[in-house]
Amino acid sequence: MSQQSSLTQSAHSVRQVLTAYSQARQNLPVDELQEFADLTRKRITDGLTEDEHTRFVALYDRYPRKETLSLGDLSNPGPFGKIIPTNNKESES
């Protein structure tokens, strides 16, 4: 997979986490949803420390709608590069 397509997929994954926020909030506290979104972004751009990666996987395991996410190989703590903004109408709603 090229770096460009990997970055595009990663940006799409972050968008999925953020847009699924309202649907999942009944199952995870808001602070944990925000933490999961923050760790997802950091995983892509900077990579995660071992402790952060452990927490990221634990939050993912508790995430109620995994089928809505496309996070790739969870054993990879990143980084993957810059998040490329997209002009997606779904993300604006």
C-alpha atoms as a PDB file:
ATOM      1  CA  MET A   1       0.000   0.000   0.000  1.00  0.00           C
ATOM      2  CA  SER A   2       1.408   3.404  -0.882  1.00  0.00           C
ATOM      3  CA  GLN A   3       2.023   6.019   1.784  1.00  0.00           C
ATOM      4  CA  GLN A   4      -0.611   8.281   0.175  1.00  0.00           C
ATOM      5  CA  SER A   5      -3.349   5.650   0.301  1.00  0.00           C
ATOM      6  CA  SER A   6      -2.310   4.716   3.855  1.00  0.00           C
ATOM      7  CA  LEU A   7      -2.603   8.353   4.924  1.00  0.00           C
ATOM      8  CA  THR A   8      -5.968   8.711   3.227  1.00  0.00           C
ATOM      9  CA  GLN A   9      -7.226   5.567   4.966  1.00  0.00           C
ATOM     10  CA  SER A  10      -5.887   6.842   8.297  1.00  0.00           C
ATOM     11  CA  ALA A  11      -7.629  10.194   7.875  1.00  0.00           C
ATOM     12  CA  HIS A  12     -10.827   8.349   7.013  1.00  0.00           C
ATOM     13  CA  SER A  13     -10.438   6.270  10.199  1.00  0.00           C
ATOM     14  CA  VAL A  14     -10.152   9.377  12.372  1.00  0.00           C
ATOM     15  CA  ARG A  15     -13.228  10.842  10.700  1.00  0.00           C
ATOM     16  CA  GLN A  16     -15.108   7.607  11.396  1.00  0.00           C
ATOM     17  CA  VAL A  17     -14.231   7.726  15.089  1.00  0.00           C
ATOM     18  CA  LEU A  18     -15.354  11.324  15.373  1.00  0.00           C
ATOM     19  CA  THR A  19     -18.587  10.918  13.420  1.00  0.00           C
ATOM     20  CA  ALA A  20     -19.533   7.759  15.330  1.00  0.00           C
ATOM     21  CA  TYR A  21     -19.200   9.744  18.558  1.00  0.00           C
ATOM     22  CA  SER A  22     -22.902  10.426  19.076  1.00  0.00           C
ATOM     23  CA  GLN A  23     -23.899   6.828  18.340  1.00  0.00           C
ATOM     24  CA  ALA A  24     -21.363   5.335  20.756  1.00  0.00           C
ATOM     25  CA  ARG A  25     -21.654   7.747  23.631  1.00  0.00           C
ATOM     26  CA  GLN A  26     -24.375   5.661  25.285  1.00  0.00           C
ATOM     27  CA  ASN A  27     -21.831   2.838  25.710  1.00  0.00           C
ATOM     28  CA  LEU A  28     -18.625   4.710  26.540  1.00  0.00           C
ATOM     29  CA  PRO A  29     -18.314   7.799  28.695  1.00  0.00           C
ATOM     30  CA  VAL A  30     -17.737  11.000  26.744  1.00  0.00           C
ATOM     31  CA  ASP A  31     -14.261  11.443  28.219  1.00  0.00           C
ATOM     32  CA  GLU A  32     -13.225   7.980  26.985  1.00  0.00           C
ATOM     33  CA  LEU A  33     -14.621   8.650  23.512  1.00  0.00           C
ATOM     34  CA  GLN A  34     -12.614  11.869  23.382  1.00  0.00           C
ATOM     35  CA  GLU A  35      -9.511  10.041  24.619  1.00  0.00           C
ATOM     36  CA  PHE A  36      -9.992   7.366  21.934  1.00  0.00           C
ATOM     37  CA  ALA A  37     -10.302  10.038  19.223  1.00  0.00           C
ATOM     38  CA  ASP A  38      -7.208  11.848  20.537  1.00  0.00           C
ATOM     39  CA  LEU A  39      -5.169   8.633  20.651  1.00  0.00           C
ATOM     40  CA  THR A  40      -6.334   7.742  17.137  1.00  0.00           C
ATOM     41  CA  ARG A  41      -5.095  11.091  15.816  1.00  0.00           C
ATOM     42  CA  LYS A  42      -1.815  10.843  17.733  1.00  0.00           C
ATOM     43  CA  ARG A  43      -1.271   7.279  16.500  1.00  0.00           C
ATOM     44  CA  ILE A  44      -1.425   8.533  12.922  1.00  0.00           C
ATOM     45  CA  THR A  45       0.654  11.685  13.226  1.00  0.00           C
ATOM     46  CA  ASP A  46       3.179  11.056  16.005  1.00  0.00           C
ATOM     47  CA  GLY A  47       2.881   7.421  17.051  1.00  0.00           C
ATOM     48  CA  LEU A  48       1.937   6.169  20.493  1.00  0.00           C
ATOM     49  CA  THR A  49       4.081   5.285  23.480  1.00  0.00           C
ATOM     50  CA  GLU A  50       3.740   1.739  24.779  1.00  0.00           C
ATOM     51  CA  ASP A  51       1.345   2.891  27.536  1.00  0.00           C
ATOM     52  CA  GLU A  52      -0.718   4.986  25.112  1.00  0.00           C
ATOM     53  CA  HIS A  53      -0.896   2.092  22.674  1.00  0.00           C
ATOM     54  CA  THR A  54      -2.081  -0.256  25.427  1.00  0.00           C
ATOM     55  CA  ARG A  55      -4.807   2.253  26.348  1.00  0.00           C
ATOM     56  CA  PHE A  56      -5.756   2.746  22.682  1.00  0.00           C
ATOM     57  CA  VAL A  57      -6.274  -1.013  22.214  1.00  0.00           C
ATOM     58  CA  ALA A  58      -8.239  -1.249  25.491  1.00  0.00           C
ATOM     59  CA  LEU A  59     -10.575   1.559  24.380  1.00  0.00           C
ATOM     60  CA  TYR A  60     -10.951  -0.026  20.955  1.00  0.00           C
ATOM     61  CA  ASP A  61     -11.926  -3.323  22.593  1.00  0.00           C
ATOM     62  CA  ARG A  62     -14.732  -1.520  24.441  1.00  0.00           C
ATOM     63  CA  TYR A  63     -15.847   0.511  21.425  1.00  0.00           C
ATOM     64  CA  PRO A  64     -19.401  -0.638  20.612  1.00  0.00           C
ATOM     65  CA  ARG A  65     -19.432  -0.143  16.838  1.00  0.00           C
ATOM     66  CA  LYS A  66     -16.146  -1.580  15.631  1.00  0.00           C
ATOM     67  CA  GLU A  67     -17.711  -2.320  12.236  1.00  0.00           C
ATOM     68  CA  THR A  68     -17.807   1.452  11.595  1.00  0.00           C
ATOM     69  CA  LEU A  69     -14.040   1.783  12.039  1.00  0.00           C
ATOM     70  CA  SER A  70     -11.164   1.051   9.713  1.00  0.00           C
ATOM     71  CA  LEU A  71      -8.077   1.364  11.889  1.00  0.00           C
ATOM     72  CA  GLY A  72      -5.862  -1.186  10.180  1.00  0.00           C
ATOM     73  CA  ASP A  73      -3.383  -3.287  12.138  1.00  0.00           C
ATOM     74  CA  LEU A  74      -3.976  -2.414  15.786  1.00  0.00           C
ATOM     75  CA  SER A  75      -0.576  -3.837  16.771  1.00  0.00           C
ATOM     76  CA  ASN A  76       1.065  -0.948  14.895  1.00  0.00           C
ATOM     77  CA  PRO A  77       1.443   2.090  17.213  1.00  0.00           C
ATOM     78  CA  GLY A  78       2.253   4.418  14.291  1.00  0.00           C
ATOM     79  CA  PRO A  79       3.154   7.003  13.147  1.00  0.00           C
ATOM     80  CA  PHE A  80       1.792   7.010   9.618  1.00  0.00           C
ATOM     81  CA  GLY A  81       2.303  10.663   8.628  1.00  0.00           C
ATOM     82  CA  LYS A  82       0.224  13.793   8.291  1.00  0.00           C
ATOM     83  CA  ILE A  83      -3.551  13.670   8.362  1.00  0.00           C
ATOM     84  CA  ILE A  84      -4.745  14.845   4.974  1.00  0.00           C
ATOM     85  CA  PRO A  85      -7.907  16.960   5.188  1.00  0.00           C
ATOM     86  CA  THR A  86     -10.702  15.866   2.900  1.00  0.00           C
ATOM     87  CA  ASN A  87     -13.779  17.658   1.647  1.00  0.00           C
ATOM     88  CA  ASN A  88     -16.282  15.121   2.870  1.00  0.00           C
ATOM     89  CA  LYS A  89     -19.830  16.326   3.379  1.00  0.00           C
ATOM     90  CA  GLU A  90     -20.398  13.716   6.139  1.00  0.00           C
ATOM     91  CA  SER A  91     -17.671  15.231   8.292  1.00  0.00           C
ATOM     92  CA  GLU A  92     -19.301  18.670   8.095  1.00  0.00           C
ATOM     93  CA  SER A  93     -22.616  17.578   9.577  1.00  0.00           C
END
